[in-house]
C-alpha atoms as a PDB file:
ATOM      1  CA  MET A   1     -46.497  25.028 -13.991  1.00  0.00           C
ATOM      2  CA  LYS A   2     -48.629  22.826 -12.405  1.00  0.00           C
ATOM      3  CA  ARG A   3     -47.135  23.068  -9.008  1.00  0.00           C
ATOM      4  CA  PRO A   4     -43.670  23.939  -7.338  1.00  0.00           C
ATOM      5  CA  VAL A   5     -40.983  21.433  -7.879  1.00  0.00           C
ATOM      6  CA  GLN A   6     -37.301  21.177  -6.423  1.00  0.00           C
ATOM      7  CA  VAL A   7     -34.651  21.066  -9.277  1.00  0.00           C
ATOM      8  CA  ALA A   8     -30.374  20.180  -9.296  1.00  0.00           C
ATOM      9  CA  CYS A   9     -28.177  21.658 -11.750  1.00  0.00           C
ATOM     10  CA  ALA A  10     -24.846  19.594 -11.567  1.00  0.00           C
ATOM     11  CA  GLN A  11     -21.524  20.667 -12.273  1.00  0.00           C
ATOM     12  CA  VAL A  12     -19.594  18.174 -12.132  1.00  0.00           C
ATOM     13  CA  GLU A  13     -16.313  16.767 -13.916  1.00  0.00           C
ATOM     14  CA  PRO A  14     -16.544  13.307 -15.963  1.00  0.00           C
ATOM     15  CA  VAL A  15     -14.671  10.621 -15.765  1.00  0.00           C
ATOM     16  CA  VAL A  16     -12.864  11.761 -18.951  1.00  0.00           C
ATOM     17  CA  LEU A  17     -12.960   9.558 -21.906  1.00  0.00           C
ATOM     18  CA  ASP A  18     -14.479   6.412 -19.257  1.00  0.00           C
ATOM     19  CA  LEU A  19     -17.788   5.573 -20.285  1.00  0.00           C
ATOM     20  CA  GLU A  20     -18.783   3.059 -17.689  1.00  0.00           C
ATOM     21  CA  GLY A  21     -16.855   5.204 -14.716  1.00  0.00           C
ATOM     22  CA  THR A  22     -19.003   8.999 -15.735  1.00  0.00           C
ATOM     23  CA  LEU A  23     -22.165   6.932 -15.721  1.00  0.00           C
ATOM     24  CA  GLU A  24     -21.515   5.769 -12.038  1.00  0.00           C
ATOM     25  CA  LYS A  25     -20.778   9.317 -11.062  1.00  0.00           C
ATOM     26  CA  LEU A  26     -23.690  10.132 -12.605  1.00  0.00           C
ATOM     27  CA  GLU A  27     -25.347   8.007 -10.536  1.00  0.00           C
ATOM     28  CA  HIS A  28     -23.799   8.985  -7.186  1.00  0.00           C
ATOM     29  CA  VAL A  29     -24.505  12.541  -7.617  1.00  0.00           C
ATOM     30  CA  THR A  30     -28.253  12.105  -9.032  1.00  0.00           C
ATOM     31  CA  ALA A  31     -28.737   9.787  -6.142  1.00  0.00           C
ATOM     32  CA  ASP A  32     -27.258  12.977  -3.768  1.00  0.00           C
ATOM     33  CA  ALA A  33     -29.540  14.986  -5.525  1.00  0.00           C
ATOM     34  CA  ALA A  34     -32.905  13.346  -5.127  1.00  0.00           C
ATOM     35  CA  ARG A  35     -32.187  13.053  -1.360  1.00  0.00           C
ATOM     36  CA  ASN A  36     -32.279  16.420  -1.121  1.00  0.00           C
ATOM     37  CA  GLY A  37     -35.354  16.756  -2.755  1.00  0.00           C
ATOM     38  CA  ALA A  38     -34.723  17.498  -6.504  1.00  0.00           C
ATOM     39  CA  GLU A  39     -37.878  16.004  -8.859  1.00  0.00           C
ATOM     40  CA  LEU A  40     -35.285  17.095 -12.251  1.00  0.00           C
ATOM     41  CA  VAL A  41     -31.420  17.012 -12.116  1.00  0.00           C
ATOM     42  CA  VAL A  42     -29.817  18.182 -15.444  1.00  0.00           C
ATOM     43  CA  PHE A  43     -26.083  17.635 -16.432  1.00  0.00           C
ATOM     44  CA  PRO A  44     -24.006  19.778 -18.913  1.00  0.00           C
ATOM     45  CA  GLU A  45     -23.175  19.774 -22.315  1.00  0.00           C
ATOM     46  CA  THR A  46     -22.037  16.328 -23.436  1.00  0.00           C
ATOM     47  CA  PHE A  47     -21.014  15.259 -20.278  1.00  0.00           C
ATOM     48  CA  VAL A  48     -20.600  11.569 -21.295  1.00  0.00           C
ATOM     49  CA  PRO A  49     -17.928  10.826 -21.434  1.00  0.00           C
ATOM     50  CA  VAL A  50     -16.409  14.543 -22.561  1.00  0.00           C
ATOM     51  CA  TYR A  51     -16.793  18.017 -24.110  1.00  0.00           C
ATOM     52  CA  PRO A  52     -14.364  18.414 -26.851  1.00  0.00           C
ATOM     53  CA  SER A  53     -12.682  21.393 -25.710  1.00  0.00           C
ATOM     54  CA  SER A  54     -10.949  23.637 -27.969  1.00  0.00           C
ATOM     55  CA  LEU A  55      -7.559  23.245 -26.826  1.00  0.00           C
ATOM     56  CA  TRP A  56      -7.271  19.563 -28.156  1.00  0.00           C
ATOM     57  CA  ALA A  57     -10.183  19.473 -30.581  1.00  0.00           C
ATOM     58  CA  LYS A  58      -8.404  22.031 -33.111  1.00  0.00           C
ATOM     59  CA  ALA A  59      -5.912  18.762 -33.426  1.00  0.00           C
ATOM     60  CA  LEU A  60      -8.736  16.632 -35.120  1.00  0.00           C
ATOM     61  CA  GLY A  61      -8.347  19.564 -38.318  1.00  0.00           C
ATOM     62  CA  GLY A  62      -4.568  18.194 -39.192  1.00  0.00           C
ATOM     63  CA  TRP A  63      -4.010  15.907 -41.507  1.00  0.00           C
ATOM     64  CA  GLN A  64      -1.092  14.368 -39.568  1.00  0.00           C
ATOM     65  CA  VAL A  65      -1.639  15.257 -36.027  1.00  0.00           C
ATOM     66  CA  ASP A  66      -0.691  12.294 -34.140  1.00  0.00           C
ATOM     67  CA  GLY A  67      -3.105  11.091 -31.991  1.00  0.00           C
ATOM     68  CA  ALA A  68      -6.422  12.862 -33.421  1.00  0.00           C
ATOM     69  CA  LYS A  69      -7.651   9.769 -35.362  1.00  0.00           C
ATOM     70  CA  GLU A  70      -7.227   7.653 -32.094  1.00  0.00           C
ATOM     71  CA  THR A  71      -8.994  10.580 -29.942  1.00  0.00           C
ATOM     72  CA  PHE A  72     -12.131  10.736 -32.149  1.00  0.00           C
ATOM     73  CA  ALA A  73     -12.190   6.823 -31.813  1.00  0.00           C
ATOM     74  CA  ARG A  74     -11.980   7.064 -28.103  1.00  0.00           C
ATOM     75  CA  ILE A  75     -14.779   9.233 -27.869  1.00  0.00           C
ATOM     76  CA  ALA A  76     -17.376   7.270 -30.236  1.00  0.00           C
ATOM     77  CA  GLN A  77     -16.285   4.177 -28.290  1.00  0.00           C
ATOM     78  CA  ASN A  78     -16.997   5.739 -25.164  1.00  0.00           C
ATOM     79  CA  SER A  79     -20.276   7.468 -26.439  1.00  0.00           C
ATOM     80  CA  VAL A  80     -23.900   6.642 -25.888  1.00  0.00           C
ATOM     81  CA  ALA A  81     -26.283   4.845 -28.211  1.00  0.00           C
ATOM     82  CA  ILE A  82     -29.783   4.849 -27.864  1.00  0.00           C
ATOM     83  CA  GLY A  83     -31.311   1.735 -26.457  1.00  0.00           C
ATOM     84  CA  SER A  84     -27.784   0.893 -25.555  1.00  0.00           C
ATOM     85  CA  PRO A  85     -27.275  -0.688 -21.963  1.00  0.00           C
ATOM     86  CA  ALA A  86     -25.826   2.680 -21.349  1.00  0.00           C
ATOM     87  CA  GLU A  87     -28.709   4.837 -22.310  1.00  0.00           C
ATOM     88  CA  ARG A  88     -30.994   2.357 -20.407  1.00  0.00           C
ATOM     89  CA  ARG A  89     -28.767   3.002 -17.584  1.00  0.00           C
ATOM     90  CA  LEU A  90     -29.537   6.262 -17.619  1.00  0.00           C
ATOM     91  CA  ALA A  91     -33.292   5.384 -17.577  1.00  0.00           C
ATOM     92  CA  ALA A  92     -32.588   2.900 -14.490  1.00  0.00           C
ATOM     93  CA  CYS A  93     -31.522   5.692 -12.581  1.00  0.00           C
ATOM     94  CA  ALA A  94     -33.856   7.776 -13.219  1.00  0.00           C
ATOM     95  CA  GLN A  95     -36.673   5.223 -12.760  1.00  0.00           C
ATOM     96  CA  GLU A  96     -35.256   4.119  -9.786  1.00  0.00           C
ATOM     97  CA  LEU A  97     -35.057   7.829  -8.306  1.00  0.00           C
ATOM     98  CA  GLY A  98     -38.378   8.623  -9.415  1.00  0.00           C
ATOM     99  CA  ILE A  99     -36.824  11.672 -11.003  1.00  0.00           C
ATOM    100  CA  TRP A 100     -36.475  13.615 -14.446  1.00  0.00           C
ATOM    101  CA  LEU A 101     -32.942  13.062 -15.780  1.00  0.00           C
ATOM    102  CA  VAL A 102     -31.478  15.311 -18.431  1.00  0.00           C
ATOM    103  CA  THR A 103     -28.130  14.113 -19.713  1.00  0.00           C
ATOM    104  CA  GLY A 104     -25.647  15.893 -22.386  1.00  0.00           C
ATOM    105  CA  VAL A 105     -24.203  13.142 -24.329  1.00  0.00           C
ATOM    106  CA  ASN A 106     -21.957  12.166 -26.746  1.00  0.00           C
ATOM    107  CA  GLU A 107     -24.367  10.154 -29.291  1.00  0.00           C
ATOM    108  CA  ILE A 108     -23.941   7.599 -31.415  1.00  0.00           C
ATOM    109  CA  ASP A 109     -26.113   6.138 -34.098  1.00  0.00           C
ATOM    110  CA  PRO A 110     -25.699   2.214 -34.160  1.00  0.00           C
ATOM    111  CA  GLU A 111     -26.247   1.812 -37.112  1.00  0.00           C
ATOM    112  CA  ARG A 112     -23.993   4.431 -38.826  1.00  0.00           C
ATOM    113  CA  PRO A 113     -21.596   4.428 -35.646  1.00  0.00           C
ATOM    114  CA  GLY A 114     -19.121   7.013 -37.838  1.00  0.00           C
ATOM    115  CA  THR A 115     -20.434  10.055 -36.670  1.00  0.00           C
ATOM    116  CA  ILE A 116     -20.889  11.402 -33.189  1.00  0.00           C
ATOM    117  CA  TYR A 117     -23.781  13.910 -32.267  1.00  0.00           C
ATOM    118  CA  ASN A 118     -23.939  16.423 -29.179  1.00  0.00           C
ATOM    119  CA  ALA A 119     -26.948  15.315 -27.631  1.00  0.00           C
ATOM    120  CA  LEU A 120     -29.477  15.617 -24.759  1.00  0.00           C
ATOM    121  CA  LEU A 121     -31.085  12.820 -23.297  1.00  0.00           C
ATOM    122  CA  TYR A 122     -34.470  13.184 -21.221  1.00  0.00           C
ATOM    123  CA  HIS A 123     -35.682  10.258 -19.264  1.00  0.00           C
ATOM    124  CA  SER A 124     -38.919   9.905 -17.122  1.00  0.00           C
ATOM    125  CA  PRO A 125     -39.368   8.747 -13.865  1.00  0.00           C
ATOM    126  CA  GLU A 126     -40.739   5.555 -15.450  1.00  0.00           C
ATOM    127  CA  GLY A 127     -37.640   4.957 -17.210  1.00  0.00           C
ATOM    128  CA  ALA A 128     -38.788   6.101 -20.857  1.00  0.00           C
ATOM    129  CA  LEU A 129     -36.746   8.385 -22.960  1.00  0.00           C
ATOM    130  CA  ALA A 130     -39.009  11.494 -23.289  1.00  0.00           C
ATOM    131  CA  LEU A 131     -37.150  13.178 -25.553  1.00  0.00           C
ATOM    132  CA  HIS A 132     -34.244  13.367 -27.638  1.00  0.00           C
ATOM    133  CA  HIS A 133     -32.560  16.597 -28.932  1.00  0.00           C
ATOM    134  CA  ARG A 134     -29.501  16.500 -31.212  1.00  0.00           C
ATOM    135  CA  LYS A 135     -27.646  19.882 -31.418  1.00  0.00           C
ATOM    136  CA  LEU A 136     -28.867  21.540 -34.752  1.00  0.00           C
ATOM    137  CA  VAL A 137     -25.064  23.167 -35.354  1.00  0.00           C
ATOM    138  CA  PRO A 138     -21.905  22.466 -33.898  1.00  0.00           C
ATOM    139  CA  THR A 139     -20.410  25.350 -32.875  1.00  0.00           C
ATOM    140  CA  ASN A 140     -16.713  26.047 -34.136  1.00  0.00           C
ATOM    141  CA  HIS A 141     -14.112  23.061 -33.535  1.00  0.00           C
ATOM    142  CA  GLU A 142     -17.028  21.216 -32.841  1.00  0.00           C
ATOM    143  CA  ARG A 143     -17.448  20.536 -36.319  1.00  0.00           C
ATOM    144  CA  LEU A 144     -14.416  18.472 -36.040  1.00  0.00           C
ATOM    145  CA  VAL A 145     -15.944  16.052 -33.624  1.00  0.00           C
ATOM    146  CA  HIS A 146     -20.052  16.176 -33.993  1.00  0.00           C
ATOM    147  CA  GLY A 147     -22.374  16.025 -37.197  1.00  0.00           C
ATOM    148  CA  GLN A 148     -25.410  18.443 -37.694  1.00  0.00           C
ATOM    149  CA  GLY A 149     -28.488  17.515 -35.421  1.00  0.00           C
ATOM    150  CA  ASP A 150     -32.388  17.548 -36.922  1.00  0.00           C
ATOM    151  CA  GLY A 151     -35.628  18.903 -35.921  1.00  0.00           C
ATOM    152  CA  ARG A 152     -37.020  15.996 -33.588  1.00  0.00           C
ATOM    153  CA  GLY A 153     -36.285  17.813 -30.319  1.00  0.00           C
ATOM    154  CA  LEU A 154     -37.294  21.006 -30.594  1.00  0.00           C
ATOM    155  CA  HIS A 155     -40.429  20.961 -28.056  1.00  0.00           C
ATOM    156  CA  ALA A 156     -41.317  20.455 -24.679  1.00  0.00           C
ATOM    157  CA  VAL A 157     -42.476  17.484 -23.291  1.00  0.00           C
ATOM    158  CA  GLU A 158     -44.903  17.226 -19.949  1.00  0.00           C
ATOM    159  CA  THR A 159     -43.346  16.329 -16.638  1.00  0.00           C
ATOM    160  CA  GLY A 160     -46.118  16.756 -14.283  1.00  0.00           C
ATOM    161  CA  PHE A 161     -45.058  19.762 -12.700  1.00  0.00           C
ATOM    162  CA  GLY A 162     -44.624  21.794 -15.710  1.00  0.00           C
ATOM    163  CA  ARG A 163     -43.348  21.772 -19.532  1.00  0.00           C
ATOM    164  CA  LEU A 164     -39.103  20.623 -19.915  1.00  0.00           C
ATOM    165  CA  GLY A 165     -37.523  21.422 -23.204  1.00  0.00           C
ATOM    166  CA  GLY A 166     -33.892  22.738 -24.031  1.00  0.00           C
ATOM    167  CA  LEU A 167     -31.064  23.468 -26.506  1.00  0.00           C
ATOM    168  CA  ILE A 168     -27.418  23.240 -26.047  1.00  0.00           C
ATOM    169  CA  CYS A 169     -25.254  25.924 -25.786  1.00  0.00           C
ATOM    170  CA  TRP A 170     -24.796  28.159 -28.890  1.00  0.00           C
ATOM    171  CA  GLU A 171     -28.111  26.872 -30.545  1.00  0.00           C
ATOM    172  CA  ASN A 172     -29.830  29.473 -27.805  1.00  0.00           C
ATOM    173  CA  TYR A 173     -28.279  32.137 -30.047  1.00  0.00           C
ATOM    174  CA  MET A 174     -30.421  30.725 -32.908  1.00  0.00           C
ATOM    175  CA  PRO A 175     -33.767  32.671 -32.602  1.00  0.00           C
ATOM    176  CA  LEU A 176     -36.119  30.418 -34.567  1.00  0.00           C
ATOM    177  CA  ALA A 177     -35.162  27.266 -32.318  1.00  0.00           C
ATOM    178  CA  ARG A 178     -35.679  29.066 -29.395  1.00  0.00           C
ATOM    179  CA  THR A 179     -39.050  29.992 -30.973  1.00  0.00           C
ATOM    180  CA  ALA A 180     -39.947  26.242 -31.708  1.00  0.00           C
ATOM    181  CA  LEU A 181     -39.248  25.696 -27.706  1.00  0.00           C
ATOM    182  CA  TYR A 182     -41.772  28.621 -27.019  1.00  0.00           C
ATOM    183  CA  GLU A 183     -44.236  27.444 -29.267  1.00  0.00           C
ATOM    184  CA  SER A 184     -44.174  24.020 -27.310  1.00  0.00           C
ATOM    185  CA  GLY A 185     -45.171  25.662 -24.073  1.00  0.00           C
ATOM    186  CA  VAL A 186     -41.779  25.308 -22.415  1.00  0.00           C
ATOM    187  CA  GLU A 187     -42.030  26.578 -19.136  1.00  0.00           C
ATOM    188  CA  LEU A 188     -38.432  25.088 -17.624  1.00  0.00           C
ATOM    189  CA  TYR A 189     -35.821  25.239 -20.587  1.00  0.00           C
ATOM    190  CA  VAL A 190     -32.591  23.821 -20.387  1.00  0.00           C
ATOM    191  CA  ALA A 191     -29.279  25.406 -21.473  1.00  0.00           C
ATOM    192  CA  SER A 192     -26.557  23.313 -20.907  1.00  0.00           C
ATOM    193  CA  THR A 193     -23.392  24.482 -22.014  1.00  0.00           C
ATOM    194  CA  ALA A 194     -19.823  24.095 -22.526  1.00  0.00           C
ATOM    195  CA  ASP A 195     -19.304  28.345 -22.531  1.00  0.00           C
ATOM    196  CA  ASP A 196     -17.514  29.617 -19.437  1.00  0.00           C
ATOM    197  CA  GLY A 197     -17.448  33.315 -20.508  1.00  0.00           C
ATOM    198  CA  ASP A 198     -19.137  35.868 -18.909  1.00  0.00           C
ATOM    199  CA  ALA A 199     -20.918  36.865 -21.919  1.00  0.00           C
ATOM    200  CA  TRP A 200     -23.028  33.552 -21.884  1.00  0.00           C
ATOM    201  CA  GLN A 201     -24.430  34.673 -18.562  1.00  0.00           C
ATOM    202  CA  ALA A 202     -25.774  37.909 -20.465  1.00  0.00           C
ATOM    203  CA  THR A 203     -27.761  35.226 -22.883  1.00  0.00           C
ATOM    204  CA  LEU A 204     -28.774  33.015 -19.677  1.00  0.00           C
ATOM    205  CA  VAL A 205     -30.732  36.137 -18.702  1.00  0.00           C
ATOM    206  CA  HIS A 206     -31.966  37.556 -21.999  1.00  0.00           C
ATOM    207  CA  VAL A 207     -33.398  33.717 -22.365  1.00  0.00           C
ATOM    208  CA  ALA A 208     -34.962  34.152 -19.270  1.00  0.00           C
ATOM    209  CA  ARG A 209     -36.889  36.944 -20.188  1.00  0.00           C
ATOM    210  CA  GLU A 210     -37.738  36.361 -23.712  1.00  0.00           C
ATOM    211  CA  SER A 211     -39.388  32.522 -22.897  1.00  0.00           C
ATOM    212  CA  ARG A 212     -40.498  33.780 -19.368  1.00  0.00           C
ATOM    213  CA  ALA A 213     -39.763  30.298 -18.033  1.00  0.00           C
ATOM    214  CA  TYR A 214     -37.151  28.887 -15.722  1.00  0.00           C
ATOM    215  CA  VAL A 215     -33.707  28.225 -17.500  1.00  0.00           C
ATOM    216  CA  ILE A 216     -31.490  25.464 -15.717  1.00  0.00           C
ATOM    217  CA  ALA A 217     -27.915  26.174 -17.389  1.00  0.00           C
ATOM    218  CA  PRO A 218     -25.668  23.402 -16.281  1.00  0.00           C
ATOM    219  CA  ALA A 219     -22.171  23.780 -17.424  1.00  0.00           C
ATOM    220  CA  HIS A 220     -19.021  21.818 -17.803  1.00  0.00           C
ATOM    221  CA  PHE A 221     -16.161  21.824 -15.645  1.00  0.00           C
ATOM    222  CA  GLN A 222     -13.215  20.135 -16.532  1.00  0.00           C
ATOM    223  CA  ARG A 223      -9.452  20.154 -15.871  1.00  0.00           C
ATOM    224  CA  ALA A 224      -6.631  18.689 -17.263  1.00  0.00           C
ATOM    225  CA  SER A 225      -5.265  16.584 -14.665  1.00  0.00           C
ATOM    226  CA  SER A 226      -8.664  14.723 -14.874  1.00  0.00           C
ATOM    227  CA  TYR A 227      -7.508  13.324 -18.311  1.00  0.00           C
ATOM    228  CA  PRO A 228      -6.467   9.474 -18.182  1.00  0.00           C
ATOM    229  CA  ALA A 229      -2.557   9.244 -18.701  1.00  0.00           C
ATOM    230  CA  ASP A 230      -2.882   7.391 -22.123  1.00  0.00           C
ATOM    231  CA  PHE A 231      -5.209  10.601 -23.520  1.00  0.00           C
ATOM    232  CA  PRO A 232      -3.600  10.380 -27.096  1.00  0.00           C
ATOM    233  CA  LEU A 233      -3.844  14.519 -27.517  1.00  0.00           C
ATOM    234  CA  ALA A 234      -2.267  15.306 -23.875  1.00  0.00           C
ATOM    235  CA  GLY A 235       0.438  17.188 -25.491  1.00  0.00           C
ATOM    236  CA  GLU A 236      -2.110  19.877 -26.596  1.00  0.00           C
ATOM    237  CA  LEU A 237      -2.888  20.254 -22.851  1.00  0.00           C
ATOM    238  CA  ALA A 238       0.550  21.092 -21.516  1.00  0.00           C
ATOM    239  CA  GLY A 239       0.832  23.809 -19.143  1.00  0.00           C
ATOM    240  CA  VAL A 240      -3.030  24.141 -18.653  1.00  0.00           C
ATOM    241  CA  ASP A 241      -4.767  23.762 -14.937  1.00  0.00           C
ATOM    242  CA  VAL A 242      -8.374  24.330 -15.724  1.00  0.00           C
ATOM    243  CA  ILE A 243     -10.180  23.563 -18.980  1.00  0.00           C
ATOM    244  CA  GLY A 244     -13.343  24.710 -18.446  1.00  0.00           C
ATOM    245  CA  ARG A 245     -14.373  26.739 -15.431  1.00  0.00           C
ATOM    246  CA  GLY A 246     -18.199  26.172 -15.429  1.00  0.00           C
ATOM    247  CA  GLY A 247     -20.940  28.894 -14.909  1.00  0.00           C
ATOM    248  CA  SER A 248     -23.797  26.964 -13.838  1.00  0.00           C
ATOM    249  CA  ALA A 249     -26.859  28.604 -12.738  1.00  0.00           C
ATOM    250  CA  ILE A 250     -30.433  28.762 -12.439  1.00  0.00           C
ATOM    251  CA  LEU A 251     -32.681  31.360 -13.187  1.00  0.00           C
ATOM    252  CA  ALA A 252     -36.171  32.712 -12.869  1.00  0.00           C
ATOM    253  CA  PRO A 253     -38.451  34.056 -15.677  1.00  0.00           C
ATOM    254  CA  ASP A 254     -37.723  37.655 -15.147  1.00  0.00           C
ATOM    255  CA  GLY A 255     -34.009  37.064 -15.441  1.00  0.00           C
ATOM    256  CA  ALA A 256     -33.263  36.953 -11.890  1.00  0.00           C
ATOM    257  CA  TYR A 257     -30.447  34.890 -10.355  1.00  0.00           C
ATOM    258  CA  LEU A 258     -31.963  31.691  -7.972  1.00  0.00           C
ATOM    259  CA  ALA A 259     -28.434  29.760  -7.662  1.00  0.00           C
ATOM    260  CA  GLY A 260     -25.221  30.512  -9.121  1.00  0.00           C
ATOM    261  CA  PRO A 261     -23.370  31.157 -11.456  1.00  0.00           C
ATOM    262  CA  LEU A 262     -20.829  28.755 -10.182  1.00  0.00           C
ATOM    263  CA  TYR A 263     -16.872  29.274 -11.318  1.00  0.00           C
ATOM    264  CA  GLY A 264     -14.210  26.930 -10.609  1.00  0.00           C
ATOM    265  CA  GLU A 265     -15.272  24.004  -8.740  1.00  0.00           C
ATOM    266  CA  GLU A 266     -17.259  21.092  -9.131  1.00  0.00           C
ATOM    267  CA  GLY A 267     -20.899  21.595  -7.498  1.00  0.00           C
ATOM    268  CA  VAL A 268     -24.679  20.854  -7.518  1.00  0.00           C
ATOM    269  CA  LEU A 269     -27.020  24.142  -7.864  1.00  0.00           C
ATOM    270  CA  TYR A 270     -30.757  23.964  -6.188  1.00  0.00           C
ATOM    271  CA  ALA A 271     -33.508  25.954  -6.647  1.00  0.00           C
ATOM    272  CA  GLU A 272     -37.471  25.756  -6.002  1.00  0.00           C
ATOM    273  CA  LEU A 273     -39.372  26.749  -8.672  1.00  0.00           C
ATOM    274  CA  ASP A 274     -42.889  28.388  -8.405  1.00  0.00           C
ATOM    275  CA  PRO A 275     -45.440  28.552 -10.929  1.00  0.00           C
ATOM    276  CA  THR A 276     -47.178  31.711  -9.391  1.00  0.00           C
ATOM    277  CA  ARG A 277     -43.829  33.371 -10.358  1.00  0.00           C
ATOM    278  CA  LEU A 278     -44.003  32.353 -13.676  1.00  0.00           C
ATOM    279  CA  LEU A 279     -47.389  33.200 -14.320  1.00  0.00           C
ATOM    280  CA  ALA A 280     -46.483  36.723 -12.898  1.00  0.00           C
ATOM    281  CA  GLU A 281     -43.928  37.486 -15.148  1.00  0.00           C
ATOM    282  CA  ARG A 282     -46.441  36.516 -18.398  1.00  0.00           C
ATOM    283  CA  GLN A 283     -48.768  39.207 -17.225  1.00  0.00           C
ATOM    284  CA  ARG A 284     -46.606  41.771 -19.535  1.00  0.00           C
ATOM    285  CA  PHE A 285     -45.234  40.011 -22.181  1.00  0.00           C
ATOM    286  CA  ASP A 286     -45.823  35.971 -23.464  1.00  0.00           C
ATOM    287  CA  PRO A 287     -43.773  35.603 -26.390  1.00  0.00           C
ATOM    288  CA  VAL A 288     -46.301  33.037 -27.837  1.00  0.00           C
ATOM    289  CA  GLY A 289     -49.191  34.471 -26.140  1.00  0.00           C
ATOM    290  CA  HIS A 290     -50.613  38.103 -26.044  1.00  0.00           C
ATOM    291  CA  TYR A 291     -47.481  39.428 -27.401  1.00  0.00           C
ATOM    292  CA  SER A 292     -47.267  37.465 -30.526  1.00  0.00           C
ATOM    293  CA  ARG A 293     -48.803  37.915 -34.087  1.00  0.00           C
ATOM    294  CA  PRO A 294     -49.242  34.500 -35.695  1.00  0.00           C
ATOM    295  CA  ASP A 295     -51.399  36.341 -38.520  1.00  0.00           C
ATOM    296  CA  VAL A 296     -47.990  38.124 -39.677  1.00  0.00           C
ATOM    297  CA  LEU A 297     -45.433  35.278 -38.546  1.00  0.00           C
ATOM    298  CA  GLN A 298     -45.208  31.847 -38.344  1.00  0.00           C
ATOM    299  CA  LEU A 299     -42.725  29.225 -37.735  1.00  0.00           C
ATOM    300  CA  THR A 300     -42.814  25.766 -39.364  1.00  0.00           C
ATOM    301  CA  VAL A 301     -40.307  23.024 -37.851  1.00  0.00           C
ATOM    302  CA  ARG A 302     -39.290  20.181 -40.268  1.00  0.00           C
ATOM    303  CA  GLU A 303     -38.671  17.381 -37.912  1.00  0.00           C
ATOM    304  CA  ARG A 304     -37.728  13.212 -38.776  1.00  0.00           C
ATOM    305  CA  ASP A 305     -40.352  10.613 -38.185  1.00  0.00           C
ATOM    306  CA  ALA A 306     -39.800   8.845 -35.282  1.00  0.00           C
ATOM    307  CA  THR A 307     -39.785   5.613 -37.336  1.00  0.00           C
ATOM    308  CA  THR A 308     -37.008   6.144 -40.184  1.00  0.00           C
ATOM    309  CA  SER A 309     -34.216   7.686 -39.877  1.00  0.00           C
ATOM    310  CA  THR A 310     -34.735   9.128 -43.572  1.00  0.00           C
ATOM    311  CA  ARG A 311     -38.124  10.673 -43.930  1.00  0.00           C
ATOM    312  CA  PRO A 312     -38.445  14.138 -42.994  1.00  0.00           C
ATOM    313  CA  SER A 313     -41.967  15.339 -41.528  1.00  0.00           C
ATOM    314  CA  ALA A 314     -42.825  18.830 -40.719  1.00  0.00           C
ATOM    315  CA  ARG A 315     -44.883  20.583 -37.972  1.00  0.00           C
ATOM    316  CA  SER A 316     -46.022  24.390 -38.028  1.00  0.00           C
ATOM    317  CA  SER A 317     -46.096  26.477 -34.828  1.00  0.00           C
ATOM    318  CA  ARG A 318     -49.553  27.333 -35.242  1.00  0.00           C
ATOM    319  CA  PRO A 319     -52.417  25.602 -36.298  1.00  0.00           C
END
């Protein structure tokens, strides 16, 4: 890291299945965070326009379930395409506030809109889409909603205060995906999630200690009462109150909590990240530096060429 930085980790509900409403809420939350000094603001997994909870997403696996296909269509219609007005609105928000904005979205490819991806979009203070990552493997019930991603976003980008990158939810259990980030020099590690279990906190501690990076982990918070009255699978939510209880946190490179975990309510966590603390923790362990053996172990990442959607390319983790 080049200098200290204030970061914000947002645990807020989307305006469920409402693209414009969710973007408006994101803009308000981000503006408040920027006024509080944040230079990086991070939102949870598929914040725009909803995380497909297992409570109702399981219905998409049934051939004759009323409302299943309609629900998928609603998600797709309110998803974000790269280059679309919605994506450019995220870019404009980052540019207007002069901050880095990381947003979890349901993403569609405008040329092939029949598949939805679980994606993280990183927008710079210049309004550029600096990094675009699609979740490699949808987890469990998510496979009924999301397609598989590729390797194009498995690296960190320079922000001016430190190198920023991340993975989505259970991708953080994929050792080689984590290693790809480590090899690219990640210092601020985004671990957006919908996992609200107690065991997830142990994962965050491990990732922080293994990466020797700061971990910013926004978790989704949802209540059944926030779903629209015409939600096609409303019957699946009968008798339910909280769907996702959160668990957002910010951790230091030694696994200590700087903020959170936050459960059961909306909120924004803040922390000041100090480069001295990051370097101090790497004195004893640097996963791709003095505590690595590139002569024995190497990683090759297959990416997709940024200029095409079909031709794969490869990068090695070491020269």
